[in-house]
Amino acid sequence: MGATVKDYKDLHVWQKAMELARQVYKLTSLFPKEEVYGLTSQIRRSAVSIPSNIAEGSSRSGTKEFLQFLSIARGSDAELEI
């Protein structure tokens, strides 16, 4: 039988998404300063959106809503692909 998830922070995918966001912030801090309001900002927003949507979706009342937020998180992940 599977483990019970009591909190979104217990989700492996959320933990990985948080690590991705931390790494994105480290990497983008090396970008040229003229990109701070352009590329840097967009990449950071996408990275932060992933764990944020996982967390928000987990607080919703039904599976269908949770899946919708996971879909949004997946879209944000796709924005980071090169």
PDB file of N, CA and C in Angstrom:
ATOM      1  N   MET A   1       0.836  -1.176   0.000  1.00  0.00           N
ATOM      2  CA  MET A   1       0.000   0.000   0.000  1.00  0.00           C
ATOM      3  C   MET A   1       0.885   1.245   0.000  1.00  0.00           C
ATOM      4  N   GLY A   2       0.465   2.319  -0.674  1.00  0.00           N
ATOM      5  CA  GLY A   2       1.248   3.549  -0.791  1.00  0.00           C
ATOM      6  C   GLY A   2       1.240   4.364   0.490  1.00  0.00           C
ATOM      7  N   ALA A   3       2.193   5.245   0.580  1.00  0.00           N
ATOM      8  CA  ALA A   3       2.294   6.128   1.740  1.00  0.00           C
ATOM      9  C   ALA A   3       1.226   7.216   1.659  1.00  0.00           C
ATOM     10  N   THR A   4       0.789   7.659   2.801  1.00  0.00           N
ATOM     11  CA  THR A   4      -0.199   8.727   2.864  1.00  0.00           C
ATOM     12  C   THR A   4       0.506  10.071   2.848  1.00  0.00           C
ATOM     13  N   VAL A   5       0.016  10.975   2.023  1.00  0.00           N
ATOM     14  CA  VAL A   5       0.567  12.317   1.943  1.00  0.00           C
ATOM     15  C   VAL A   5      -0.295  13.228   2.802  1.00  0.00           C
ATOM     16  N   LYS A   6       0.305  13.822   3.812  1.00  0.00           N
ATOM     17  CA  LYS A   6      -0.436  14.708   4.710  1.00  0.00           C
ATOM     18  C   LYS A   6      -0.291  16.168   4.318  1.00  0.00           C
ATOM     19  N   ASP A   7       0.747  16.468   3.573  1.00  0.00           N
ATOM     20  CA  ASP A   7       1.061  17.849   3.235  1.00  0.00           C
ATOM     21  C   ASP A   7       1.774  17.863   1.885  1.00  0.00           C
ATOM     22  N   TYR A   8       1.563  18.910   1.105  1.00  0.00           N
ATOM     23  CA  TYR A   8       2.230  18.992  -0.202  1.00  0.00           C
ATOM     24  C   TYR A   8       3.744  18.925  -0.075  1.00  0.00           C
ATOM     25  N   LYS A   9       4.276  19.345   1.072  1.00  0.00           N
ATOM     26  CA  LYS A   9       5.724  19.302   1.284  1.00  0.00           C
ATOM     27  C   LYS A   9       6.256  17.871   1.348  1.00  0.00           C
ATOM     28  N   ASP A  10       5.360  16.913   1.548  1.00  0.00           N
ATOM     29  CA  ASP A  10       5.740  15.497   1.544  1.00  0.00           C
ATOM     30  C   ASP A  10       5.876  14.949   0.124  1.00  0.00           C
ATOM     31  N   LEU A  11       5.337  15.676  -0.847  1.00  0.00           N
ATOM     32  CA  LEU A  11       5.385  15.211  -2.234  1.00  0.00           C
ATOM     33  C   LEU A  11       6.794  15.357  -2.801  1.00  0.00           C
ATOM     34  N   HIS A  12       7.316  14.262  -3.332  1.00  0.00           N
ATOM     35  CA  HIS A  12       8.654  14.269  -3.924  1.00  0.00           C
ATOM     36  C   HIS A  12       8.747  15.285  -5.064  1.00  0.00           C
ATOM     37  N   VAL A  13       7.690  15.379  -5.854  1.00  0.00           N
ATOM     38  CA  VAL A  13       7.689  16.306  -6.986  1.00  0.00           C
ATOM     39  C   VAL A  13       7.787  17.756  -6.506  1.00  0.00           C
ATOM     40  N   TRP A  14       7.131  18.094  -5.399  1.00  0.00           N
ATOM     41  CA  TRP A  14       7.230  19.452  -4.853  1.00  0.00           C
ATOM     42  C   TRP A  14       8.647  19.718  -4.363  1.00  0.00           C
ATOM     43  N   GLN A  15       9.240  18.749  -3.681  1.00  0.00           N
ATOM     44  CA  GLN A  15      10.614  18.895  -3.185  1.00  0.00           C
ATOM     45  C   GLN A  15      11.587  19.117  -4.341  1.00  0.00           C
ATOM     46  N   LYS A  16      11.421  18.355  -5.402  1.00  0.00           N
ATOM     47  CA  LYS A  16      12.277  18.510  -6.588  1.00  0.00           C
ATOM     48  C   LYS A  16      12.061  19.868  -7.250  1.00  0.00           C
ATOM     49  N   ALA A  17      10.814  20.306  -7.296  1.00  0.00           N
ATOM     50  CA  ALA A  17      10.503  21.610  -7.894  1.00  0.00           C
ATOM     51  C   ALA A  17      11.125  22.741  -7.084  1.00  0.00           C
ATOM     52  N   MET A  18      11.139  22.615  -5.776  1.00  0.00           N
ATOM     53  CA  MET A  18      11.780  23.623  -4.933  1.00  0.00           C
ATOM     54  C   MET A  18      13.289  23.662  -5.177  1.00  0.00           C
ATOM     55  N   GLU A  19      13.880  22.507  -5.322  1.00  0.00           N
ATOM     56  CA  GLU A  19      15.318  22.450  -5.616  1.00  0.00           C
ATOM     57  C   GLU A  19      15.596  23.077  -6.982  1.00  0.00           C
ATOM     58  N   LEU A  20      14.744  22.816  -7.957  1.00  0.00           N
ATOM     59  CA  LEU A  20      14.886  23.428  -9.280  1.00  0.00           C
ATOM     60  C   LEU A  20      14.823  24.949  -9.163  1.00  0.00           C
ATOM     61  N   ALA A  21      13.876  25.463  -8.403  1.00  0.00           N
ATOM     62  CA  ALA A  21      13.741  26.915  -8.240  1.00  0.00           C
ATOM     63  C   ALA A  21      15.001  27.499  -7.605  1.00  0.00           C
ATOM     64  N   ARG A  22      15.537  26.824  -6.592  1.00  0.00           N
ATOM     65  CA  ARG A  22      16.785  27.315  -5.967  1.00  0.00           C
ATOM     66  C   ARG A  22      17.936  27.346  -6.977  1.00  0.00           C
ATOM     67  N   GLN A  23      18.036  26.290  -7.781  1.00  0.00           N
ATOM     68  CA  GLN A  23      19.105  26.227  -8.782  1.00  0.00           C
ATOM     69  C   GLN A  23      18.924  27.285  -9.865  1.00  0.00           C
ATOM     70  N   VAL A  24      17.691  27.533 -10.256  1.00  0.00           N
ATOM     71  CA  VAL A  24      17.407  28.571 -11.254  1.00  0.00           C
ATOM     72  C   VAL A  24      17.835  29.938 -10.725  1.00  0.00           C
ATOM     73  N   TYR A  25      17.536  30.221  -9.462  1.00  0.00           N
ATOM     74  CA  TYR A  25      17.942  31.506  -8.888  1.00  0.00           C
ATOM     75  C   TYR A  25      19.461  31.641  -8.864  1.00  0.00           C
ATOM     76  N   LYS A  26      20.164  30.558  -8.527  1.00  0.00           N
ATOM     77  CA  LYS A  26      21.637  30.602  -8.529  1.00  0.00           C
ATOM     78  C   LYS A  26      22.162  30.868  -9.936  1.00  0.00           C
ATOM     79  N   LEU A  27      21.636  30.124 -10.893  1.00  0.00           N
ATOM     80  CA  LEU A  27      22.096  30.255 -12.278  1.00  0.00           C
ATOM     81  C   LEU A  27      21.793  31.633 -12.844  1.00  0.00           C
ATOM     82  N   THR A  28      20.580  32.114 -12.646  1.00  0.00           N
ATOM     83  CA  THR A  28      20.200  33.401 -13.229  1.00  0.00           C
ATOM     84  C   THR A  28      20.894  34.584 -12.549  1.00  0.00           C
ATOM     85  N   SER A  29      21.426  34.368 -11.364  1.00  0.00           N
ATOM     86  CA  SER A  29      22.191  35.449 -10.723  1.00  0.00           C
ATOM     87  C   SER A  29      23.476  35.739 -11.495  1.00  0.00           C
ATOM     88  N   LEU A  30      23.863  34.810 -12.358  1.00  0.00           N
ATOM     89  CA  LEU A  30      25.059  34.988 -13.193  1.00  0.00           C
ATOM     90  C   LEU A  30      24.749  35.659 -14.529  1.00  0.00           C
ATOM     91  N   PHE A  31      23.483  35.834 -14.835  1.00  0.00           N
ATOM     92  CA  PHE A  31      23.092  36.467 -16.093  1.00  0.00           C
ATOM     93  C   PHE A  31      23.507  37.941 -16.089  1.00  0.00           C
ATOM     94  N   PRO A  32      23.656  38.521 -17.271  1.00  0.00           N
ATOM     95  CA  PRO A  32      23.979  39.956 -17.345  1.00  0.00           C
ATOM     96  C   PRO A  32      22.907  40.797 -16.662  1.00  0.00           C
ATOM     97  N   LYS A  33      23.321  41.872 -16.037  1.00  0.00           N
ATOM     98  CA  LYS A  33      22.400  42.735 -15.293  1.00  0.00           C
ATOM     99  C   LYS A  33      21.303  43.329 -16.190  1.00  0.00           C
ATOM    100  N   GLU A  34      21.589  43.526 -17.462  1.00  0.00           N
ATOM    101  CA  GLU A  34      20.565  44.093 -18.353  1.00  0.00           C
ATOM    102  C   GLU A  34      19.418  43.101 -18.609  1.00  0.00           C
ATOM    103  N   GLU A  35      19.586  41.851 -18.207  1.00  0.00           N
ATOM    104  CA  GLU A  35      18.531  40.841 -18.381  1.00  0.00           C
ATOM    105  C   GLU A  35      17.647  40.687 -17.145  1.00  0.00           C
ATOM    106  N   VAL A  36      17.908  41.469 -16.098  1.00  0.00           N
ATOM    107  CA  VAL A  36      17.178  41.286 -14.846  1.00  0.00           C
ATOM    108  C   VAL A  36      15.671  41.473 -15.007  1.00  0.00           C
ATOM    109  N   TYR A  37      15.223  42.346 -15.893  1.00  0.00           N
ATOM    110  CA  TYR A  37      13.793  42.567 -16.091  1.00  0.00           C
ATOM    111  C   TYR A  37      13.259  41.816 -17.300  1.00  0.00           C
ATOM    112  N   GLY A  38      14.097  41.074 -17.956  1.00  0.00           N
ATOM    113  CA  GLY A  38      13.689  40.321 -19.135  1.00  0.00           C
ATOM    114  C   GLY A  38      13.785  38.826 -18.894  1.00  0.00           C
ATOM    115  N   LEU A  39      14.812  38.244 -19.430  1.00  0.00           N
ATOM    116  CA  LEU A  39      14.990  36.796 -19.380  1.00  0.00           C
ATOM    117  C   LEU A  39      15.091  36.267 -17.952  1.00  0.00           C
ATOM    118  N   THR A  40      15.853  36.931 -17.118  1.00  0.00           N
ATOM    119  CA  THR A  40      16.018  36.493 -15.723  1.00  0.00           C
ATOM    120  C   THR A  40      14.673  36.435 -15.013  1.00  0.00           C
ATOM    121  N   SER A  41      13.908  37.479 -15.141  1.00  0.00           N
ATOM    122  CA  SER A  41      12.609  37.555 -14.486  1.00  0.00           C
ATOM    123  C   SER A  41      11.668  36.457 -14.980  1.00  0.00           C
ATOM    124  N   GLN A  42      11.615  36.253 -16.275  1.00  0.00           N
ATOM    125  CA  GLN A  42      10.712  35.245 -16.841  1.00  0.00           C
ATOM    126  C   GLN A  42      11.104  33.842 -16.394  1.00  0.00           C
ATOM    127  N   ILE A  43      12.379  33.534 -16.428  1.00  0.00           N
ATOM    128  CA  ILE A  43      12.841  32.205 -16.022  1.00  0.00           C
ATOM    129  C   ILE A  43      12.539  31.968 -14.544  1.00  0.00           C
ATOM    130  N   ARG A  44      12.783  32.960 -13.722  1.00  0.00           N
ATOM    131  CA  ARG A  44      12.523  32.815 -12.281  1.00  0.00           C
ATOM    132  C   ARG A  44      11.034  32.641 -11.998  1.00  0.00           C
ATOM    133  N   ARG A  45      10.197  33.413 -12.671  1.00  0.00           N
ATOM    134  CA  ARG A  45       8.745  33.276 -12.463  1.00  0.00           C
ATOM    135  C   ARG A  45       8.274  31.873 -12.846  1.00  0.00           C
ATOM    136  N   SER A  46       8.790  31.363 -13.942  1.00  0.00           N
ATOM    137  CA  SER A  46       8.415  30.009 -14.370  1.00  0.00           C
ATOM    138  C   SER A  46       8.846  28.972 -13.340  1.00  0.00           C
ATOM    139  N   ALA A  47      10.057  29.113 -12.842  1.00  0.00           N
ATOM    140  CA  ALA A  47      10.579  28.152 -11.864  1.00  0.00           C
ATOM    141  C   ALA A  47       9.782  28.178 -10.563  1.00  0.00           C
ATOM    142  N   VAL A  48       9.431  29.353 -10.096  1.00  0.00           N
ATOM    143  CA  VAL A  48       8.667  29.494  -8.852  1.00  0.00           C
ATOM    144  C   VAL A  48       7.229  29.013  -9.038  1.00  0.00           C
ATOM    145  N   SER A  49       6.709  29.139 -10.238  1.00  0.00           N
ATOM    146  CA  SER A  49       5.337  28.732 -10.526  1.00  0.00           C
ATOM    147  C   SER A  49       5.134  27.231 -10.355  1.00  0.00           C
ATOM    148  N   ILE A  50       6.155  26.455 -10.594  1.00  0.00           N
ATOM    149  CA  ILE A  50       6.011  24.997 -10.529  1.00  0.00           C
ATOM    150  C   ILE A  50       5.646  24.531  -9.108  1.00  0.00           C
ATOM    151  N   PRO A  51       6.490  24.772  -8.097  1.00  0.00           N
ATOM    152  CA  PRO A  51       6.102  24.327  -6.753  1.00  0.00           C
ATOM    153  C   PRO A  51       4.882  25.070  -6.215  1.00  0.00           C
ATOM    154  N   SER A  52       4.701  26.316  -6.632  1.00  0.00           N
ATOM    155  CA  SER A  52       3.541  27.085  -6.161  1.00  0.00           C
ATOM    156  C   SER A  52       2.234  26.449  -6.621  1.00  0.00           C
ATOM    157  N   ASN A  53       2.177  26.024  -7.872  1.00  0.00           N
ATOM    158  CA  ASN A  53       0.964  25.395  -8.385  1.00  0.00           C
ATOM    159  C   ASN A  53       0.743  24.006  -7.797  1.00  0.00           C
ATOM    160  N   ILE A  54       1.805  23.295  -7.525  1.00  0.00           N
ATOM    161  CA  ILE A  54       1.668  22.000  -6.857  1.00  0.00           C
ATOM    162  C   ILE A  54       1.081  22.205  -5.464  1.00  0.00           C
ATOM    163  N   ALA A  55       1.596  23.186  -4.747  1.00  0.00           N
ATOM    164  CA  ALA A  55       1.097  23.472  -3.397  1.00  0.00           C
ATOM    165  C   ALA A  55      -0.361  23.920  -3.443  1.00  0.00           C
ATOM    166  N   GLU A  56      -0.687  24.844  -4.329  1.00  0.00           N
ATOM    167  CA  GLU A  56      -2.059  25.337  -4.402  1.00  0.00           C
ATOM    168  C   GLU A  56      -3.025  24.232  -4.803  1.00  0.00           C
ATOM    169  N   GLY A  57      -2.643  23.438  -5.781  1.00  0.00           N
ATOM    170  CA  GLY A  57      -3.512  22.351  -6.230  1.00  0.00           C
ATOM    171  C   GLY A  57      -3.770  21.322  -5.152  1.00  0.00           C
ATOM    172  N   SER A  58      -2.771  21.070  -4.330  1.00  0.00           N
ATOM    173  CA  SER A  58      -2.948  20.068  -3.269  1.00  0.00           C
ATOM    174  C   SER A  58      -3.939  20.525  -2.214  1.00  0.00           C
ATOM    175  N   SER A  59      -4.172  21.825  -2.131  1.00  0.00           N
ATOM    176  CA  SER A  59      -5.114  22.343  -1.139  1.00  0.00           C
ATOM    177  C   SER A  59      -6.548  22.390  -1.667  1.00  0.00           C
ATOM    178  N   ARG A  60      -6.733  22.071  -2.924  1.00  0.00           N
ATOM    179  CA  ARG A  60      -8.072  22.088  -3.514  1.00  0.00           C
ATOM    180  C   ARG A  60      -8.870  20.864  -3.067  1.00  0.00           C
ATOM    181  N   SER A  61     -10.153  20.949  -3.245  1.00  0.00           N
ATOM    182  CA  SER A  61     -11.038  19.925  -2.679  1.00  0.00           C
ATOM    183  C   SER A  61     -11.092  18.619  -3.459  1.00  0.00           C
ATOM    184  N   GLY A  62     -10.791  18.658  -4.729  1.00  0.00           N
ATOM    185  CA  GLY A  62     -10.950  17.438  -5.516  1.00  0.00           C
ATOM    186  C   GLY A  62      -9.758  17.101  -6.387  1.00  0.00           C
ATOM    187  N   THR A  63      -9.735  15.862  -6.820  1.00  0.00           N
ATOM    188  CA  THR A  63      -8.661  15.371  -7.682  1.00  0.00           C
ATOM    189  C   THR A  63      -8.626  16.126  -9.005  1.00  0.00           C
ATOM    190  N   LYS A  64      -9.789  16.411  -9.561  1.00  0.00           N
ATOM    191  CA  LYS A  64      -9.847  17.107 -10.852  1.00  0.00           C
ATOM    192  C   LYS A  64      -9.160  18.474 -10.760  1.00  0.00           C
ATOM    193  N   GLU A  65      -9.435  19.206  -9.682  1.00  0.00           N
ATOM    194  CA  GLU A  65      -8.799  20.514  -9.492  1.00  0.00           C
ATOM    195  C   GLU A  65      -7.287  20.366  -9.300  1.00  0.00           C
ATOM    196  N   PHE A  66      -6.899  19.377  -8.513  1.00  0.00           N
ATOM    197  CA  PHE A  66      -5.470  19.142  -8.292  1.00  0.00           C
ATOM    198  C   PHE A  66      -4.763  18.854  -9.612  1.00  0.00           C
ATOM    199  N   LEU A  67      -5.373  18.025 -10.437  1.00  0.00           N
ATOM    200  CA  LEU A  67      -4.780  17.705 -11.738  1.00  0.00           C
ATOM    201  C   LEU A  67      -4.657  18.937 -12.624  1.00  0.00           C
ATOM    202  N   GLN A  68      -5.627  19.847 -12.529  1.00  0.00           N
ATOM    203  CA  GLN A  68      -5.556  21.087 -13.303  1.00  0.00           C
ATOM    204  C   GLN A  68      -4.330  21.906 -12.890  1.00  0.00           C
ATOM    205  N   PHE A  69      -4.081  22.010 -11.591  1.00  0.00           N
ATOM    206  CA  PHE A  69      -2.921  22.759 -11.122  1.00  0.00           C
ATOM    207  C   PHE A  69      -1.616  22.052 -11.473  1.00  0.00           C
ATOM    208  N   LEU A  70      -1.630  20.731 -11.471  1.00  0.00           N
ATOM    209  CA  LEU A  70      -0.440  19.992 -11.912  1.00  0.00           C
ATOM    210  C   LEU A  70      -0.169  20.256 -13.387  1.00  0.00           C
ATOM    211  N   SER A  71      -1.230  20.384 -14.164  1.00  0.00           N
ATOM    212  CA  SER A  71      -1.086  20.697 -15.583  1.00  0.00           C
ATOM    213  C   SER A  71      -0.465  22.083 -15.774  1.00  0.00           C
ATOM    214  N   ILE A  72      -0.877  23.031 -14.964  1.00  0.00           N
ATOM    215  CA  ILE A  72      -0.304  24.382 -15.029  1.00  0.00           C
ATOM    216  C   ILE A  72       1.176  24.334 -14.647  1.00  0.00           C
ATOM    217  N   ALA A  73       1.502  23.562 -13.601  1.00  0.00           N
ATOM    218  CA  ALA A  73       2.902  23.410 -13.186  1.00  0.00           C
ATOM    219  C   ALA A  73       3.730  22.796 -14.315  1.00  0.00           C
ATOM    220  N   ARG A  74       3.140  21.840 -14.986  1.00  0.00           N
ATOM    221  CA  ARG A  74       3.839  21.202 -16.110  1.00  0.00           C
ATOM    222  C   ARG A  74       4.094  22.192 -17.239  1.00  0.00           C
ATOM    223  N   GLY A  75       3.145  23.083 -17.474  1.00  0.00           N
ATOM    224  CA  GLY A  75       3.341  24.128 -18.483  1.00  0.00           C
ATOM    225  C   GLY A  75       4.474  25.066 -18.111  1.00  0.00           C
ATOM    226  N   SER A  76       4.562  25.413 -16.842  1.00  0.00           N
ATOM    227  CA  SER A  76       5.664  26.260 -16.383  1.00  0.00           C
ATOM    228  C   SER A  76       6.993  25.551 -16.544  1.00  0.00           C
ATOM    229  N   ASP A  77       6.998  24.249 -16.288  1.00  0.00           N
ATOM    230  CA  ASP A  77       8.213  23.451 -16.498  1.00  0.00           C
ATOM    231  C   ASP A  77       8.627  23.497 -17.958  1.00  0.00           C
ATOM    232  N   ALA A  78       7.665  23.402 -18.851  1.00  0.00           N
ATOM    233  CA  ALA A  78       7.957  23.426 -20.286  1.00  0.00           C
ATOM    234  C   ALA A  78       8.583  24.771 -20.696  1.00  0.00           C
ATOM    235  N   GLU A  79       8.196  25.851 -20.027  1.00  0.00           N
ATOM    236  CA  GLU A  79       8.784  27.155 -20.327  1.00  0.00           C
ATOM    237  C   GLU A  79      10.288  27.191 -20.058  1.00  0.00           C
ATOM    238  N   LEU A  80      10.740  26.346 -19.141  1.00  0.00           N
ATOM    239  CA  LEU A  80      12.166  26.334 -18.781  1.00  0.00           C
ATOM    240  C   LEU A  80      13.003  25.479 -19.708  1.00  0.00           C
ATOM    241  N   GLU A  81      12.370  24.658 -20.522  1.00  0.00           N
ATOM    242  CA  GLU A  81      13.114  23.784 -21.436  1.00  0.00           C
ATOM    243  C   GLU A  81      13.807  24.604 -22.522  1.00  0.00           C
ATOM    244  N   ILE A  82      14.957  24.152 -22.865  1.00  0.00           N
ATOM    245  CA  ILE A  82      15.727  24.841 -23.921  1.00  0.00           C
ATOM    246  C   ILE A  82      15.650  24.031 -25.204  1.00  0.00           C
TER     247      ILE A  82
END
